[in-house]
Amino acid sequence: MDKIQFREELKLRLRKFVLDLIKLCQEIPYSKESNIITKQLLRSGSSVYANYRAANRARSKAEFFSKISIVVEEADETEMWLDLLIHSDIRNTPETIRLHNESLEILKIMATARKNAQ
């Protein structure tokens, strides 16, 4: 797989991840606590996708590194919110666990991309 194809497939994977997060959040019953977590989860999860797209349009290596660093931070935050959903028992379901595992994989991919960009 070449670099361009990899980037496109990762972009599609991230879009699916965000769409799955939206579905998950729509299914969570409202409470003060769940509302805070779902808002933050959607914000950080969608930021991973948006900043990854921006990183791929970077005009320099420094700009790419900066954007991909944001992606790593947001991916880590997304993983944290999913972890809290599971361990607080707000939404401890197989789908939440699957999304948590996917967030860990995304985080590893992005951290490796940042490391390779140095």
C-alpha atoms as a PDB file:
ATOM      1  CA  MET A   1       0.000   0.000   0.000  1.00  0.00           C
ATOM      2  CA  ASP A   2       1.437   3.360  -0.948  1.00  0.00           C
ATOM      3  CA  LYS A   3       1.436   6.478   1.223  1.00  0.00           C
ATOM      4  CA  ILE A   4      -1.484   8.172  -0.528  1.00  0.00           C
ATOM      5  CA  GLN A   5      -3.679   5.080  -0.342  1.00  0.00           C
ATOM      6  CA  PHE A   6      -2.810   4.632   3.356  1.00  0.00           C
ATOM      7  CA  ARG A   7      -3.783   8.243   4.119  1.00  0.00           C
ATOM      8  CA  GLU A   8      -7.092   7.889   2.293  1.00  0.00           C
ATOM      9  CA  GLU A   9      -7.958   4.643   4.061  1.00  0.00           C
ATOM     10  CA  LEU A  10      -7.057   6.160   7.421  1.00  0.00           C
ATOM     11  CA  LYS A  11      -9.209   9.200   6.637  1.00  0.00           C
ATOM     12  CA  LEU A  12     -12.170   6.889   5.918  1.00  0.00           C
ATOM     13  CA  ARG A  13     -11.466   4.930   9.103  1.00  0.00           C
ATOM     14  CA  LEU A  14     -11.480   8.137  11.142  1.00  0.00           C
ATOM     15  CA  ARG A  15     -14.727   9.305   9.536  1.00  0.00           C
ATOM     16  CA  LYS A  16     -16.374   5.966  10.390  1.00  0.00           C
ATOM     17  CA  PHE A  17     -15.027   6.247  13.933  1.00  0.00           C
ATOM     18  CA  VAL A  18     -16.618   9.679  14.390  1.00  0.00           C
ATOM     19  CA  LEU A  19     -19.915   8.527  12.881  1.00  0.00           C
ATOM     20  CA  ASP A  20     -19.900   5.566  15.279  1.00  0.00           C
ATOM     21  CA  LEU A  21     -19.207   7.935  18.189  1.00  0.00           C
ATOM     22  CA  ILE A  22     -22.206  10.035  17.137  1.00  0.00           C
ATOM     23  CA  LYS A  23     -24.432   6.942  17.136  1.00  0.00           C
ATOM     24  CA  LEU A  24     -23.112   5.889  20.525  1.00  0.00           C
ATOM     25  CA  CYS A  25     -23.765   9.314  22.028  1.00  0.00           C
ATOM     26  CA  GLN A  26     -27.288   9.394  20.611  1.00  0.00           C
ATOM     27  CA  GLU A  27     -28.064   6.164  22.466  1.00  0.00           C
ATOM     28  CA  ILE A  28     -26.850   7.342  25.885  1.00  0.00           C
ATOM     29  CA  PRO A  29     -29.673   8.383  28.214  1.00  0.00           C
ATOM     30  CA  TYR A  30     -29.469  12.000  29.334  1.00  0.00           C
ATOM     31  CA  SER A  31     -28.019  12.913  32.721  1.00  0.00           C
ATOM     32  CA  LYS A  32     -25.827  15.800  33.822  1.00  0.00           C
ATOM     33  CA  GLU A  33     -22.828  13.489  33.857  1.00  0.00           C
ATOM     34  CA  SER A  34     -23.493  11.756  30.557  1.00  0.00           C
ATOM     35  CA  ASN A  35     -24.167  15.081  28.862  1.00  0.00           C
ATOM     36  CA  ILE A  36     -20.739  16.409  29.846  1.00  0.00           C
ATOM     37  CA  ILE A  37     -18.969  13.232  28.757  1.00  0.00           C
ATOM     38  CA  THR A  38     -20.779  12.905  25.424  1.00  0.00           C
ATOM     39  CA  LYS A  39     -20.157  16.548  24.506  1.00  0.00           C
ATOM     40  CA  GLN A  40     -16.463  16.205  25.260  1.00  0.00           C
ATOM     41  CA  LEU A  41     -16.263  12.829  23.499  1.00  0.00           C
ATOM     42  CA  LEU A  42     -17.812  14.197  20.308  1.00  0.00           C
ATOM     43  CA  ARG A  43     -15.622  17.297  20.448  1.00  0.00           C
ATOM     44  CA  SER A  44     -12.363  15.387  20.854  1.00  0.00           C
ATOM     45  CA  GLY A  45     -13.324  12.534  18.514  1.00  0.00           C
ATOM     46  CA  SER A  46     -14.320  14.852  15.694  1.00  0.00           C
ATOM     47  CA  SER A  47     -11.171  16.910  16.296  1.00  0.00           C
ATOM     48  CA  VAL A  48      -9.054  13.822  15.587  1.00  0.00           C
ATOM     49  CA  TYR A  49     -10.660  13.535  12.165  1.00  0.00           C
ATOM     50  CA  ALA A  50     -10.566  17.269  11.391  1.00  0.00           C
ATOM     51  CA  ASN A  51      -6.949  17.754  12.429  1.00  0.00           C
ATOM     52  CA  TYR A  52      -5.814  14.610  10.611  1.00  0.00           C
ATOM     53  CA  ARG A  53      -7.327  16.051   7.432  1.00  0.00           C
ATOM     54  CA  ALA A  54      -5.559  19.360   8.139  1.00  0.00           C
ATOM     55  CA  ALA A  55      -2.247  17.572   8.759  1.00  0.00           C
ATOM     56  CA  ASN A  56      -2.471  15.975   5.334  1.00  0.00           C
ATOM     57  CA  ARG A  57      -2.784  19.429   3.793  1.00  0.00           C
ATOM     58  CA  ALA A  58       0.207  20.797   5.701  1.00  0.00           C
ATOM     59  CA  ARG A  59       2.523  23.097   3.761  1.00  0.00           C
ATOM     60  CA  SER A  60       5.654  22.065   5.634  1.00  0.00           C
ATOM     61  CA  LYS A  61       7.063  19.339   7.842  1.00  0.00           C
ATOM     62  CA  ALA A  62       6.804  21.658  10.838  1.00  0.00           C
ATOM     63  CA  GLU A  63       3.133  22.334  10.139  1.00  0.00           C
ATOM     64  CA  PHE A  64       2.488  18.592   9.697  1.00  0.00           C
ATOM     65  CA  PHE A  65       4.220  17.867  13.005  1.00  0.00           C
ATOM     66  CA  SER A  66       2.171  20.538  14.756  1.00  0.00           C
ATOM     67  CA  LYS A  67      -1.145  19.240  13.387  1.00  0.00           C
ATOM     68  CA  ILE A  68      -0.354  15.592  13.996  1.00  0.00           C
ATOM     69  CA  SER A  69       0.611  16.480  17.574  1.00  0.00           C
ATOM     70  CA  ILE A  70      -2.884  17.922  18.043  1.00  0.00           C
ATOM     71  CA  VAL A  71      -4.314  14.706  16.608  1.00  0.00           C
ATOM     72  CA  VAL A  72      -2.365  12.654  19.172  1.00  0.00           C
ATOM     73  CA  GLU A  73      -3.621  14.830  22.049  1.00  0.00           C
ATOM     74  CA  GLU A  74      -7.232  14.649  20.871  1.00  0.00           C
ATOM     75  CA  ALA A  75      -7.010  10.889  20.267  1.00  0.00           C
ATOM     76  CA  ASP A  76      -5.714  10.436  23.811  1.00  0.00           C
ATOM     77  CA  GLU A  77      -8.564  12.559  25.171  1.00  0.00           C
ATOM     78  CA  THR A  78     -11.115  10.586  23.143  1.00  0.00           C
ATOM     79  CA  GLU A  79      -9.759   7.353  24.600  1.00  0.00           C
ATOM     80  CA  MET A  80     -10.077   8.831  28.091  1.00  0.00           C
ATOM     81  CA  TRP A  81     -13.756   9.800  27.626  1.00  0.00           C
ATOM     82  CA  LEU A  82     -14.578   6.326  26.304  1.00  0.00           C
ATOM     83  CA  ASP A  83     -12.736   4.822  29.279  1.00  0.00           C
ATOM     84  CA  LEU A  84     -14.853   6.953  31.621  1.00  0.00           C
ATOM     85  CA  LEU A  85     -18.078   5.899  29.900  1.00  0.00           C
ATOM     86  CA  ILE A  86     -17.137   2.269  30.456  1.00  0.00           C
ATOM     87  CA  HIS A  87     -15.822   2.505  34.012  1.00  0.00           C
ATOM     88  CA  SER A  88     -18.584   4.809  35.245  1.00  0.00           C
ATOM     89  CA  ASP A  89     -21.136   2.297  33.928  1.00  0.00           C
ATOM     90  CA  ILE A  90     -22.846   5.069  31.995  1.00  0.00           C
ATOM     91  CA  ARG A  91     -22.355   2.984  28.847  1.00  0.00           C
ATOM     92  CA  ASN A  92     -20.452  -0.244  29.493  1.00  0.00           C
ATOM     93  CA  THR A  93     -21.505  -2.112  26.344  1.00  0.00           C
ATOM     94  CA  PRO A  94     -19.698  -4.184  23.721  1.00  0.00           C
ATOM     95  CA  GLU A  95     -19.995  -1.265  21.257  1.00  0.00           C
ATOM     96  CA  THR A  96     -18.414   1.177  23.711  1.00  0.00           C
ATOM     97  CA  ILE A  97     -15.619  -1.306  24.371  1.00  0.00           C
ATOM     98  CA  ARG A  98     -15.112  -1.763  20.612  1.00  0.00           C
ATOM     99  CA  LEU A  99     -14.880   1.993  20.141  1.00  0.00           C
ATOM    100  CA  HIS A 100     -12.474   2.237  23.061  1.00  0.00           C
ATOM    101  CA  ASN A 101     -10.248  -0.387  21.435  1.00  0.00           C
ATOM    102  CA  GLU A 102     -10.468   1.456  18.116  1.00  0.00           C
ATOM    103  CA  SER A 103      -9.479   4.696  19.854  1.00  0.00           C
ATOM    104  CA  LEU A 104      -6.394   2.970  21.277  1.00  0.00           C
ATOM    105  CA  GLU A 105      -5.418   1.748  17.808  1.00  0.00           C
ATOM    106  CA  ILE A 106      -5.933   5.212  16.341  1.00  0.00           C
ATOM    107  CA  LEU A 107      -3.825   6.710  19.124  1.00  0.00           C
ATOM    108  CA  LYS A 108      -0.983   4.262  18.390  1.00  0.00           C
ATOM    109  CA  ILE A 109      -1.106   5.008  14.651  1.00  0.00           C
ATOM    110  CA  MET A 110      -1.049   8.758  15.231  1.00  0.00           C
ATOM    111  CA  ALA A 111       1.721   8.591  17.832  1.00  0.00           C
ATOM    112  CA  THR A 112       3.814   6.582  15.375  1.00  0.00           C
ATOM    113  CA  ALA A 113       3.111   9.118  12.614  1.00  0.00           C
ATOM    114  CA  ARG A 114       4.239  11.923  14.932  1.00  0.00           C
ATOM    115  CA  LYS A 115       7.385  10.007  15.891  1.00  0.00           C
ATOM    116  CA  ASN A 116       8.225   9.391  12.232  1.00  0.00           C
ATOM    117  CA  ALA A 117       7.679  13.063  11.400  1.00  0.00           C
ATOM    118  CA  GLN A 118      10.483  14.193  13.730  1.00  0.00           C
END
